[in-house]
N, C-alpha and C. Protein backbone atom coordinates (compact mmCIF):
# COMPACT_ATOMS: atom_id res chain seq x y z
N UNK A 1 113.76 122.21 124.49
CA UNK A 1 115.01 121.64 125.11
C UNK A 1 116.29 122.63 124.80
N UNK A 2 116.79 123.28 125.65
CA UNK A 2 118.05 123.77 125.34
C UNK A 2 119.15 122.88 124.82
N UNK A 3 119.63 123.05 123.89
CA UNK A 3 120.63 121.91 123.58
C UNK A 3 122.04 122.85 122.84
N UNK A 4 123.21 122.25 123.13
CA UNK A 4 124.72 122.47 122.31
C UNK A 4 124.71 121.81 121.32
N UNK A 5 125.36 122.16 120.08
CA UNK A 5 125.75 121.41 119.00
C UNK A 5 126.97 120.51 119.50
N UNK A 6 127.15 119.46 118.67
CA UNK A 6 128.24 118.60 119.07
C UNK A 6 129.52 119.37 119.17
N UNK A 7 129.82 120.18 118.40
CA UNK A 7 131.13 120.72 118.33
C UNK A 7 131.29 121.67 119.50
N UNK A 8 130.26 122.25 119.93
CA UNK A 8 130.33 122.93 121.28
C UNK A 8 130.87 122.19 122.37
N UNK A 9 130.07 121.20 122.51
CA UNK A 9 130.22 119.97 123.63
C UNK A 9 131.62 119.55 123.54
N UNK A 10 132.22 119.24 122.39
CA UNK A 10 133.44 118.72 122.07
C UNK A 10 134.39 119.90 122.63
N UNK A 11 133.98 121.05 122.31
CA UNK A 11 135.10 122.10 122.79
C UNK A 11 135.19 122.40 124.18
N UNK A 12 134.08 122.33 124.70
CA UNK A 12 134.06 122.17 126.55
C UNK A 12 134.73 121.03 126.75
N UNK A 13 134.95 120.00 126.24
CA UNK A 13 135.30 118.72 126.70
C UNK A 13 136.95 119.14 126.55
N UNK A 14 137.39 119.62 125.09
CA UNK A 14 138.72 119.97 124.87
C UNK A 14 139.27 120.90 125.86
N UNK A 15 138.64 122.16 126.16
CA UNK A 15 139.11 123.10 126.95
C UNK A 15 139.31 122.41 128.43
N UNK A 16 138.57 121.64 128.71
CA UNK A 16 138.29 121.01 130.16
C UNK A 16 140.04 120.21 130.18
N UNK A 17 140.06 119.32 129.13
CA UNK A 17 141.27 118.66 129.21
C UNK A 17 142.32 119.65 129.03
N UNK A 18 142.56 120.49 128.77
CA UNK A 18 143.59 121.57 128.62
C UNK A 18 143.80 122.07 130.12
N UNK A 19 142.64 122.48 130.46
CA UNK A 19 142.65 123.26 131.96
C UNK A 19 143.19 122.63 132.97
N UNK A 20 143.11 120.90 132.96
CA UNK A 20 143.39 119.91 134.05
C UNK A 20 144.64 119.80 134.27
N UNK A 21 145.43 120.12 132.94
CA UNK A 21 147.09 120.00 132.81
C UNK A 21 147.86 121.00 133.92
N UNK A 22 148.70 120.74 134.41
CA UNK A 22 149.56 121.63 135.08
C UNK A 22 149.89 122.77 134.10
N UNK A 23 149.74 123.97 134.70
CA UNK A 23 150.21 125.17 133.62
C UNK A 23 151.53 125.67 133.77
N UNK A 24 152.11 126.15 132.81
CA UNK A 24 151.70 126.04 131.53
C UNK A 24 152.40 124.59 130.90
N UNK A 25 151.15 123.99 130.15
CA UNK A 25 151.93 122.62 129.35
C UNK A 25 151.29 123.18 127.80
N UNK A 26 152.13 122.55 127.28
CA UNK A 26 151.54 122.56 125.79
C UNK A 26 151.28 121.30 125.18
N UNK A 27 150.27 121.40 124.48
CA UNK A 27 149.49 120.28 124.04
C UNK A 27 149.45 120.51 122.51
N UNK A 28 150.01 119.36 121.50
CA UNK A 28 149.72 119.06 120.39
C UNK A 28 148.33 118.70 119.93
N UNK A 29 148.05 118.92 118.70
CA UNK A 29 146.61 118.57 118.29
C UNK A 29 146.55 117.41 118.39
N UNK A 30 147.46 116.37 118.08
CA UNK A 30 147.52 114.97 118.26
C UNK A 30 147.39 114.59 119.72
N UNK A 31 147.82 115.14 120.63
CA UNK A 31 147.56 114.60 121.98
C UNK A 31 146.37 114.96 122.31
N UNK A 32 145.70 115.98 121.94
CA UNK A 32 144.37 116.67 122.31
C UNK A 32 143.63 115.78 121.89
N UNK A 33 143.75 115.40 120.44
CA UNK A 33 142.85 114.05 119.96
C UNK A 33 142.67 112.86 120.95
N UNK A 34 143.97 112.43 121.10
CA UNK A 34 144.32 111.10 122.00
C UNK A 34 143.55 111.53 123.29
N UNK A 35 143.85 112.34 123.72
CA UNK A 35 143.31 112.49 125.34
C UNK A 35 141.97 112.75 125.31
N UNK A 36 141.38 113.30 124.49
CA UNK A 36 139.80 113.44 124.67
C UNK A 36 139.26 112.26 123.65
N UNK A 37 139.90 111.41 123.04
CA UNK A 37 139.24 110.73 122.25
C UNK A 37 138.36 111.22 120.78
N UNK A 38 138.79 112.55 120.59
CA UNK A 38 137.96 113.00 119.49
C UNK A 38 138.65 112.92 118.18
N UNK A 39 138.22 112.87 117.02
CA UNK A 39 138.72 112.88 115.97
C UNK A 39 139.60 113.83 115.60
N UNK A 40 141.05 113.77 115.02
CA UNK A 40 141.81 114.59 114.71
C UNK A 40 141.34 115.82 113.78
N UNK A 41 140.43 115.63 112.97
CA UNK A 41 140.09 116.59 112.20
C UNK A 41 138.92 117.43 113.02
N UNK A 42 138.26 116.73 113.84
CA UNK A 42 137.34 117.67 114.87
C UNK A 42 138.02 118.52 115.92
N UNK A 43 139.27 118.01 116.21
CA UNK A 43 139.83 118.63 117.12
C UNK A 43 140.51 120.05 116.51
N UNK A 44 141.19 119.62 115.37
CA UNK A 44 141.36 120.94 114.40
C UNK A 44 140.51 121.88 114.13
N UNK A 45 139.24 121.58 113.85
CA UNK A 45 138.57 122.37 113.43
C UNK A 45 138.00 123.48 115.22
N UNK A 46 138.16 122.66 116.08
CA UNK A 46 137.69 123.28 117.05
C UNK A 46 138.62 124.42 117.84
N UNK A 47 140.13 123.61 117.59
CA UNK A 47 141.24 124.52 117.82
C UNK A 47 141.31 125.84 117.32
N UNK A 48 140.76 125.78 115.90
CA UNK A 48 141.06 126.87 115.01
C UNK A 48 140.24 128.08 115.47
N UNK A 49 139.02 127.75 115.93
CA UNK A 49 138.13 128.82 116.31
C UNK A 49 138.59 129.25 117.96
N UNK A 50 139.01 128.29 118.76
CA UNK A 50 139.32 128.72 120.11
C UNK A 50 140.72 129.58 119.81
N UNK A 51 141.36 129.39 118.98
CA UNK A 51 142.87 130.32 118.75
C UNK A 51 142.32 131.51 118.15
N UNK A 52 141.47 131.48 117.27
CA UNK A 52 141.00 132.77 116.57
C UNK A 52 140.28 133.84 117.69
N UNK A 53 139.57 133.28 118.47
CA UNK A 53 139.20 133.97 119.53
C UNK A 53 139.91 134.17 121.14
N UNK A 54 141.11 133.53 120.80
CA UNK A 54 142.08 133.68 121.87
C UNK A 54 141.75 132.97 123.29
N UNK A 55 141.02 131.91 123.20
CA UNK A 55 140.53 131.14 124.38
C UNK A 55 141.65 130.11 124.45
N UNK A 56 142.47 129.72 123.40
CA UNK A 56 143.59 129.19 123.22
C UNK A 56 144.68 129.74 122.70
N UNK A 57 145.96 129.62 122.85
CA UNK A 57 147.02 130.15 122.36
C UNK A 57 147.93 129.30 121.87
N UNK A 58 148.49 129.39 120.29
CA UNK A 58 149.09 128.42 119.45
C UNK A 58 150.47 129.06 119.69
N UNK A 59 151.61 127.80 119.92
CA UNK A 59 152.66 128.29 119.92
C UNK A 59 153.60 127.34 118.84
N UNK A 60 154.36 127.97 117.95
CA UNK A 60 154.69 127.38 117.03
C UNK A 60 156.16 126.73 117.34
N UNK A 61 156.41 125.83 116.26
CA UNK A 61 157.97 125.16 116.66
C UNK A 61 157.88 123.80 116.77
N UNK A 62 158.83 123.12 116.74
CA UNK A 62 159.04 121.74 117.01
C UNK A 62 158.63 121.44 118.38
N UNK A 63 158.61 122.27 119.46
CA UNK A 63 157.95 122.03 120.78
C UNK A 63 156.80 122.57 121.04
N UNK A 64 156.28 123.19 119.98
CA UNK A 64 155.15 123.92 119.89
C UNK A 64 153.84 123.17 120.40
N UNK A 65 152.57 123.86 120.37
CA UNK A 65 151.40 123.28 121.03
C UNK A 65 150.39 124.20 121.28
N UNK A 66 149.39 124.23 122.13
CA UNK A 66 148.40 125.06 122.58
C UNK A 66 148.37 124.95 123.96
N UNK A 67 148.06 125.95 124.64
CA UNK A 67 147.96 126.59 125.91
C UNK A 67 146.56 127.45 126.02
N UNK A 68 146.19 127.66 127.39
CA UNK A 68 145.03 128.41 127.49
C UNK A 68 145.26 129.68 127.25
N UNK A 69 144.57 130.26 126.82
CA UNK A 69 144.55 131.89 126.52
C UNK A 69 144.68 132.83 127.65
N UNK A 70 143.92 132.37 128.59
CA UNK A 70 144.02 133.08 129.85
C UNK A 70 143.74 131.94 131.05
N UNK A 71 143.86 132.09 132.26
CA UNK A 71 143.64 131.32 133.41
C UNK A 71 142.34 130.67 133.25
N UNK A 72 142.26 129.49 133.60
CA UNK A 72 140.69 128.47 133.57
C UNK A 72 139.85 129.36 134.50
N UNK A 73 140.34 130.21 135.32
CA UNK A 73 139.34 130.77 136.42
C UNK A 73 138.80 132.26 135.49
N UNK A 74 139.31 132.23 134.69
CA UNK A 74 139.02 133.97 133.83
C UNK A 74 138.10 133.34 132.61
N UNK A 75 137.99 131.93 132.34
CA UNK A 75 137.10 131.66 131.19
C UNK A 75 135.68 131.06 131.38
N UNK A 76 134.62 131.62 131.16
CA UNK A 76 133.28 130.97 131.54
C UNK A 76 133.21 130.30 130.30
N UNK A 77 131.94 129.23 130.89
CA UNK A 77 131.48 128.38 130.07
C UNK A 77 130.65 129.02 128.81
N UNK A 78 130.30 130.40 129.13
CA UNK A 78 129.56 131.02 128.12
C UNK A 78 130.62 131.59 126.91
N UNK A 79 132.18 131.82 127.45
CA UNK A 79 132.77 132.46 126.61
C UNK A 79 133.00 131.25 125.36
N UNK A 80 133.06 130.09 125.98
CA UNK A 80 133.30 128.84 124.97
C UNK A 80 132.32 128.70 124.14
N UNK A 81 131.01 128.62 124.48
CA UNK A 81 129.95 128.51 123.82
C UNK A 81 129.62 129.45 122.62
N UNK A 82 130.00 130.92 123.04
CA UNK A 82 129.90 131.95 122.18
C UNK A 82 130.88 131.98 120.91
N UNK A 83 131.99 131.44 121.36
CA UNK A 83 133.01 131.23 120.10
C UNK A 83 132.51 130.01 119.28
N UNK A 84 131.90 128.95 119.82
CA UNK A 84 131.67 127.84 118.82
C UNK A 84 130.29 127.83 118.33
N UNK A 85 129.53 128.63 119.06
CA UNK A 85 127.98 128.47 118.90
C UNK A 85 127.32 129.77 118.42
N UNK A 86 127.84 130.82 118.77
CA UNK A 86 127.23 132.31 118.72
C UNK A 86 126.57 132.66 120.17
N UNK A 87 125.90 133.75 119.85
CA UNK A 87 125.33 134.21 121.24
C UNK A 87 124.62 133.16 121.88
N UNK A 88 124.38 133.23 123.15
CA UNK A 88 123.64 132.36 123.95
C UNK A 88 122.34 133.14 124.09
N UNK A 89 121.45 132.12 123.85
CA UNK A 89 120.04 132.40 124.33
C UNK A 89 119.06 131.33 124.26
N UNK A 90 117.79 131.66 124.97
CA UNK A 90 116.97 130.62 125.16
C UNK A 90 116.24 130.23 123.67
N UNK A 91 115.79 131.40 123.00
CA UNK A 91 115.23 131.14 121.79
C UNK A 91 116.32 132.03 120.54
N UNK A 92 116.03 131.71 119.32
CA UNK A 92 116.74 132.28 118.15
C UNK A 92 116.62 133.89 118.32
N UNK A 93 115.15 134.39 118.36
CA UNK A 93 115.25 135.29 118.43
C UNK A 93 115.69 136.52 119.17
N UNK A 94 116.30 135.77 120.31
CA UNK A 94 117.04 136.49 121.46
C UNK A 94 118.27 137.19 120.81
N UNK A 95 119.04 136.08 120.13
CA UNK A 95 120.10 136.26 119.56
C UNK A 95 120.27 137.06 118.10
N UNK A 96 119.20 136.42 117.45
CA UNK A 96 119.20 136.96 116.18
C UNK A 96 117.67 137.79 115.86
N UNK A 97 117.69 138.79 116.32
CA UNK A 97 116.47 139.53 116.02
C UNK A 97 116.02 139.70 114.79
N UNK A 98 114.70 139.45 114.22
CA UNK A 98 114.21 139.65 112.86
C UNK A 98 114.33 138.34 112.39
N UNK A 99 114.41 137.11 113.00
CA UNK A 99 114.78 135.77 112.16
C UNK A 99 113.44 135.29 112.02
N UNK A 100 112.38 135.93 112.73
CA UNK A 100 111.01 134.81 112.90
C UNK A 100 110.09 135.81 112.59
N UNK A 101 108.83 135.48 111.85
CA UNK A 101 107.82 136.25 111.22
C UNK A 101 107.08 136.60 112.24
N UNK A 102 106.83 135.80 113.50
CA UNK A 102 105.91 135.89 114.37
C UNK A 102 106.34 137.17 115.29
N UNK A 103 107.62 137.37 115.23
CA UNK A 103 108.52 138.28 116.47
C UNK A 103 107.68 139.60 117.05
N UNK A 104 107.23 140.37 115.95
CA UNK A 104 106.23 141.53 116.17
C UNK A 104 105.11 141.47 117.26
N UNK A 105 104.37 140.12 117.12
CA UNK A 105 103.35 139.88 117.89
C UNK A 105 103.27 138.72 118.73
N UNK A 106 104.81 138.39 119.01
CA UNK A 106 104.87 137.33 119.79
C UNK A 106 104.53 137.44 121.27
N UNK A 107 103.95 136.47 121.77
CA UNK A 107 103.39 137.03 123.27
C UNK A 107 104.31 136.15 124.35
N UNK A 108 105.29 135.46 123.99
CA UNK A 108 106.29 135.08 124.75
C UNK A 108 107.72 135.63 124.71
N UNK A 109 107.81 136.45 123.85
CA UNK A 109 109.03 137.38 123.40
C UNK A 109 109.87 137.88 124.79
N UNK A 110 109.05 138.36 125.39
CA UNK A 110 109.75 139.27 126.77
C UNK A 110 110.31 138.47 127.75
N UNK A 111 109.44 137.18 127.99
CA UNK A 111 109.63 136.10 128.99
C UNK A 111 110.79 135.45 128.34
N UNK A 112 110.99 135.25 127.12
CA UNK A 112 112.05 134.54 126.41
C UNK A 112 113.30 135.53 126.78
N UNK A 113 113.12 136.95 126.68
CA UNK A 113 114.30 137.53 126.93
C UNK A 113 114.80 137.54 128.26
N UNK A 114 113.87 137.36 129.34
CA UNK A 114 114.39 137.21 130.82
C UNK A 114 115.01 135.90 130.79
N UNK A 115 114.30 134.95 130.16
CA UNK A 115 114.96 133.52 130.61
C UNK A 115 116.52 133.16 129.67
N UNK A 116 116.76 134.16 128.50
CA UNK A 116 117.84 134.24 127.93
C UNK A 116 118.85 134.64 128.78
N UNK A 117 118.76 136.13 129.29
CA UNK A 117 119.49 136.80 130.32
C UNK A 117 119.85 135.94 131.32
N UNK A 118 119.00 135.30 132.20
CA UNK A 118 119.26 134.60 133.23
C UNK A 118 120.49 133.30 132.70
N UNK A 119 119.84 132.60 131.66
CA UNK A 119 120.78 131.67 131.25
C UNK A 119 122.24 132.02 130.91
N UNK A 120 122.31 133.37 130.41
CA UNK A 120 123.77 133.94 130.01
C UNK A 120 124.11 133.92 131.44
N UNK A 121 123.81 134.81 132.45
CA UNK A 121 124.34 135.32 133.54
C UNK A 121 124.85 133.70 134.29
N UNK A 122 123.99 132.70 134.17
CA UNK A 122 124.52 131.51 134.85
C UNK A 122 125.75 130.95 134.18
N UNK A 123 125.63 130.84 132.93
CA UNK A 123 126.99 130.33 132.29
C UNK A 123 128.21 131.07 132.05
N UNK A 124 127.87 132.54 132.67
CA UNK A 124 129.16 133.44 132.64
C UNK A 124 129.59 133.17 133.89
N UNK A 125 128.98 132.76 134.90
CA UNK A 125 129.55 132.62 136.25
C UNK A 125 130.01 131.07 136.77
N UNK A 126 129.65 130.25 135.46
CA UNK A 126 130.43 128.74 135.77
C UNK A 126 131.62 129.02 135.11
N UNK A 127 132.97 128.72 135.49
CA UNK A 127 134.14 128.75 135.15
C UNK A 127 134.65 127.68 134.71
N UNK A 128 135.72 127.76 133.78
CA UNK A 128 136.37 126.52 133.17
C UNK A 128 136.94 125.65 134.38
N UNK A 129 137.34 126.44 135.19
CA UNK A 129 138.06 126.06 136.30
C UNK A 129 137.30 124.94 137.40
N UNK A 130 135.89 125.24 137.15
CA UNK A 130 134.81 124.68 137.82
C UNK A 130 134.70 123.12 137.35
N UNK A 131 135.01 123.13 135.95
CA UNK A 131 134.77 121.63 135.44
C UNK A 131 135.70 120.70 135.68
N UNK A 132 136.95 121.17 136.24
CA UNK A 132 137.96 120.28 136.36
C UNK A 132 137.65 119.26 137.31
N UNK A 133 136.76 119.49 138.34
CA UNK A 133 136.17 118.39 139.13
C UNK A 133 134.71 118.41 138.97
N UNK A 134 134.20 117.09 139.35
CA UNK A 134 132.75 116.98 139.26
C UNK A 134 132.02 118.10 139.95
N UNK A 135 130.79 118.64 139.45
CA UNK A 135 130.08 119.67 140.34
C UNK A 135 128.92 118.92 140.63
N UNK A 136 128.30 119.54 141.74
CA UNK A 136 127.18 118.91 142.35
C UNK A 136 126.40 120.00 142.85
N UNK A 137 125.07 119.95 142.62
CA UNK A 137 124.30 121.06 143.24
C UNK A 137 124.15 120.72 144.43
N UNK A 138 124.37 121.78 145.63
CA UNK A 138 124.21 121.46 146.94
C UNK A 138 122.94 122.07 147.46
N UNK A 139 122.90 123.21 146.88
CA UNK A 139 121.64 123.98 147.12
C UNK A 139 121.29 125.15 146.40
N UNK A 140 120.16 125.11 145.91
CA UNK A 140 119.37 126.19 145.03
C UNK A 140 118.51 126.90 145.78
N UNK A 141 118.70 128.45 146.12
CA UNK A 141 117.83 129.01 146.80
C UNK A 141 116.79 129.71 145.84
N UNK A 142 115.69 129.84 146.34
CA UNK A 142 114.61 130.43 145.27
C UNK A 142 113.85 131.58 145.75
N UNK A 143 112.99 132.23 145.16
CA UNK A 143 112.45 133.42 145.74
C UNK A 143 110.91 132.66 145.60
N UNK A 144 109.83 133.53 146.31
CA UNK A 144 108.69 133.23 146.17
C UNK A 144 107.89 132.78 144.84
N UNK A 145 108.50 133.66 143.55
CA UNK A 145 108.02 133.38 142.50
C UNK A 145 108.64 132.06 141.68
N UNK A 146 109.65 131.53 142.36
CA UNK A 146 110.20 130.34 141.71
C UNK A 146 111.38 130.81 141.00
N UNK A 147 112.20 131.98 141.15
CA UNK A 147 113.18 132.00 140.45
C UNK A 147 114.49 131.49 141.35
N UNK A 148 115.32 130.93 140.46
CA UNK A 148 116.56 130.52 141.39
C UNK A 148 117.43 131.62 141.22
N UNK A 149 117.81 132.02 142.58
CA UNK A 149 118.81 133.41 142.63
C UNK A 149 120.15 133.15 143.16
N UNK A 150 120.59 131.60 143.85
CA UNK A 150 121.81 131.43 144.02
C UNK A 150 122.20 129.77 143.79
N UNK A 151 122.97 129.41 143.37
CA UNK A 151 123.38 127.96 143.45
C UNK A 151 124.78 127.70 143.92
N UNK A 152 124.67 127.03 144.80
CA UNK A 152 125.96 126.54 145.63
C UNK A 152 126.43 125.19 144.96
N UNK A 153 127.64 125.31 144.58
CA UNK A 153 128.38 124.05 144.25
C UNK A 153 129.32 123.42 145.02
N UNK A 154 129.58 122.19 144.83
CA UNK A 154 130.55 121.57 145.60
C UNK A 154 131.87 122.32 145.75
N UNK A 155 132.43 122.89 144.84
CA UNK A 155 133.74 123.76 144.71
C UNK A 155 133.48 124.52 146.07
N UNK A 156 132.19 125.09 146.56
CA UNK A 156 132.14 126.17 147.38
C UNK A 156 131.83 127.54 146.73
N UNK A 157 132.05 127.50 145.62
CA UNK A 157 131.80 128.77 144.78
C UNK A 157 130.25 129.06 144.89
N UNK A 158 129.51 130.07 145.09
CA UNK A 158 128.18 130.29 144.86
C UNK A 158 127.77 131.13 143.64
N UNK A 159 126.99 130.34 142.80
CA UNK A 159 126.65 131.04 141.74
C UNK A 159 125.51 131.95 141.70
């Protein structure tokens, strides 16, 4: 099962909350915690990472807070995942070569790399702006080999 850790999941929730606001809106850590129902300590940890990698910008001062580092249309879900979790990959050996003793003789390694690249491309094409409203899969086109080549979302964007 492909799975994100909780902090990454919460990071996507937090970024979506900020993206839903009229731009440019400043959000304090306290407001982010209240608005997302996340613990303040968790928000602080996530915000530090997102600011360090410039997905969020920090504005200091009495009327300070956080804003998106760039427009929501230019932030991919892959960007957020990589900041909070590391490189996107189907298996660990894709993102961390040399981590497995079976790697030199692995019979599924090349297929795992193909899946990892497809997963990464898909996550790169889904934008933070797409998460502002519910998404539904309307159509998934396939080749004879069964590979999904395009996905049409209700927003009208084709992935």
